[in-house]
Amino acid sequence: MITINWHLERKLTVLNIYAPNETSENAHFWETLLEKYRQGKYKKPDIIAGDFNVTEEAIDRLPPREDPPHQEKPDLLNWSF
């Protein structure tokens, strides 16, 4: 995470993520990250970017395949910090 001077004395906080590719590690990564934000350990970012290693649909993979049934995908657009 980086905070930079932006415009008119404002600051911009950017969080760059490279999440693990392995299914159980990926799920644990997102749970841990969200918990740290909810505990107030990090400032809420203005921008989140990076490689989340999450696919929403089987067609987005080559060859197309579904995630294991136990894996929950993070709903990044509806995160509340």
C-alpha atoms as a PDB file:
ATOM      1  CA  MET A   1       0.000   0.000   0.000  1.00  0.00           C
ATOM      2  CA  ILE A   2       1.217   3.472  -0.831  1.00  0.00           C
ATOM      3  CA  THR A   3      -0.148   6.912  -0.008  1.00  0.00           C
ATOM      4  CA  ILE A   4       0.791   9.784  -2.293  1.00  0.00           C
ATOM      5  CA  ASN A   5       0.052  13.503  -2.443  1.00  0.00           C
ATOM      6  CA  TRP A   6      -2.740  13.993  -4.932  1.00  0.00           C
ATOM      7  CA  HIS A   7      -4.509  17.302  -5.491  1.00  0.00           C
ATOM      8  CA  LEU A   8      -5.210  20.340  -3.327  1.00  0.00           C
ATOM      9  CA  GLU A   9      -3.622  18.869  -0.211  1.00  0.00           C
ATOM     10  CA  ARG A  10      -5.506  15.555  -0.699  1.00  0.00           C
ATOM     11  CA  LYS A  11      -3.841  12.179  -0.449  1.00  0.00           C
ATOM     12  CA  LEU A  12      -4.498   9.062  -2.540  1.00  0.00           C
ATOM     13  CA  THR A  13      -4.048   5.585  -1.080  1.00  0.00           C
ATOM     14  CA  VAL A  14      -3.433   2.702  -3.496  1.00  0.00           C
ATOM     15  CA  LEU A  15      -3.383  -0.955  -2.486  1.00  0.00           C
ATOM     16  CA  ASN A  16      -1.686  -3.307  -4.951  1.00  0.00           C
ATOM     17  CA  ILE A  17      -2.517  -6.976  -4.468  1.00  0.00           C
ATOM     18  CA  TYR A  18      -0.936 -10.172  -5.731  1.00  0.00           C
ATOM     19  CA  ALA A  19      -3.125 -12.879  -4.232  1.00  0.00           C
ATOM     20  CA  PRO A  20      -2.056 -16.540  -4.049  1.00  0.00           C
ATOM     21  CA  ASN A  21      -3.132 -18.779  -6.903  1.00  0.00           C
ATOM     22  CA  GLU A  22      -3.767 -21.916  -4.815  1.00  0.00           C
ATOM     23  CA  THR A  23      -7.436 -22.171  -3.828  1.00  0.00           C
ATOM     24  CA  SER A  24      -7.178 -22.532  -0.038  1.00  0.00           C
ATOM     25  CA  GLU A  25      -4.358 -19.988   0.243  1.00  0.00           C
ATOM     26  CA  ASN A  26      -6.367 -17.519  -1.847  1.00  0.00           C
ATOM     27  CA  ALA A  27      -9.437 -17.825   0.380  1.00  0.00           C
ATOM     28  CA  HIS A  28      -7.314 -17.416   3.532  1.00  0.00           C
ATOM     29  CA  PHE A  29      -5.558 -14.365   1.999  1.00  0.00           C
ATOM     30  CA  TRP A  30      -8.855 -12.537   1.397  1.00  0.00           C
ATOM     31  CA  GLU A  31     -10.249 -13.430   4.826  1.00  0.00           C
ATOM     32  CA  THR A  32      -7.090 -12.186   6.546  1.00  0.00           C
ATOM     33  CA  LEU A  33      -6.899  -8.981   4.507  1.00  0.00           C
ATOM     34  CA  LEU A  34     -10.525  -8.060   5.135  1.00  0.00           C
ATOM     35  CA  GLU A  35     -10.208  -8.806   8.863  1.00  0.00           C
ATOM     36  CA  LYS A  36      -7.164  -6.496   9.153  1.00  0.00           C
ATOM     37  CA  TYR A  37      -9.103  -3.671   7.510  1.00  0.00           C
ATOM     38  CA  ARG A  38     -12.097  -4.210   9.756  1.00  0.00           C
ATOM     39  CA  GLN A  39      -9.827  -4.126  12.811  1.00  0.00           C
ATOM     40  CA  GLY A  40      -8.489  -0.751  11.664  1.00  0.00           C
ATOM     41  CA  LYS A  41      -4.936  -1.971  11.091  1.00  0.00           C
ATOM     42  CA  TYR A  42      -4.858  -0.389   7.630  1.00  0.00           C
ATOM     43  CA  LYS A  43      -6.316   2.752   6.107  1.00  0.00           C
ATOM     44  CA  LYS A  44      -9.141   2.214   3.615  1.00  0.00           C
ATOM     45  CA  PRO A  45      -7.625   2.416   0.113  1.00  0.00           C
ATOM     46  CA  ASP A  46      -9.001   4.694  -2.580  1.00  0.00           C
ATOM     47  CA  ILE A  47      -7.877   2.265  -5.291  1.00  0.00           C
ATOM     48  CA  ILE A  48      -7.367  -1.517  -5.190  1.00  0.00           C
ATOM     49  CA  ALA A  49      -5.458  -3.010  -8.125  1.00  0.00           C
ATOM     50  CA  GLY A  50      -3.400  -6.068  -8.920  1.00  0.00           C
ATOM     51  CA  ASP A  51      -3.731  -9.766  -9.641  1.00  0.00           C
ATOM     52  CA  PHE A  52      -6.518 -11.142  -7.451  1.00  0.00           C
ATOM     53  CA  ASN A  53      -6.212 -14.673  -8.905  1.00  0.00           C
ATOM     54  CA  VAL A  54     -10.002 -14.982  -8.942  1.00  0.00           C
ATOM     55  CA  THR A  55     -12.141 -15.947 -11.909  1.00  0.00           C
ATOM     56  CA  GLU A  56     -15.860 -15.311 -11.842  1.00  0.00           C
ATOM     57  CA  GLU A  57     -16.867 -17.750 -14.579  1.00  0.00           C
ATOM     58  CA  ALA A  58     -15.523 -21.089 -15.821  1.00  0.00           C
ATOM     59  CA  ILE A  59     -15.243 -19.641 -19.340  1.00  0.00           C
ATOM     60  CA  ASP A  60     -12.549 -17.263 -18.051  1.00  0.00           C
ATOM     61  CA  ARG A  61     -10.167 -20.217 -17.614  1.00  0.00           C
ATOM     62  CA  LEU A  62      -8.305 -22.261 -20.156  1.00  0.00           C
ATOM     63  CA  PRO A  63      -9.403 -25.002 -20.225  1.00  0.00           C
ATOM     64  CA  PRO A  64     -12.800 -23.883 -18.843  1.00  0.00           C
ATOM     65  CA  ARG A  65     -13.549 -25.402 -15.423  1.00  0.00           C
ATOM     66  CA  GLU A  66     -15.450 -24.529 -12.274  1.00  0.00           C
ATOM     67  CA  ASP A  67     -13.857 -23.762  -8.910  1.00  0.00           C
ATOM     68  CA  PRO A  68     -14.099 -26.431  -6.242  1.00  0.00           C
ATOM     69  CA  PRO A  69     -17.509 -26.197  -4.527  1.00  0.00           C
ATOM     70  CA  HIS A  70     -16.011 -25.168  -1.161  1.00  0.00           C
ATOM     71  CA  GLN A  71     -14.242 -22.079  -2.509  1.00  0.00           C
ATOM     72  CA  GLU A  72     -16.024 -18.815  -1.871  1.00  0.00           C
ATOM     73  CA  LYS A  73     -15.065 -15.999  -4.189  1.00  0.00           C
ATOM     74  CA  PRO A  74     -14.438 -12.610  -2.597  1.00  0.00           C
ATOM     75  CA  ASP A  75     -17.085 -10.077  -3.557  1.00  0.00           C
ATOM     76  CA  LEU A  76     -14.584  -7.287  -4.103  1.00  0.00           C
ATOM     77  CA  LEU A  77     -17.084  -4.772  -5.434  1.00  0.00           C
ATOM     78  CA  ASN A  78     -19.172  -4.968  -2.268  1.00  0.00           C
ATOM     79  CA  TRP A  79     -16.416  -4.930   0.321  1.00  0.00           C
ATOM     80  CA  SER A  80     -17.126  -2.688   3.250  1.00  0.00           C
ATOM     81  CA  PHE A  81     -14.185  -1.662   5.390  1.00  0.00           C
END
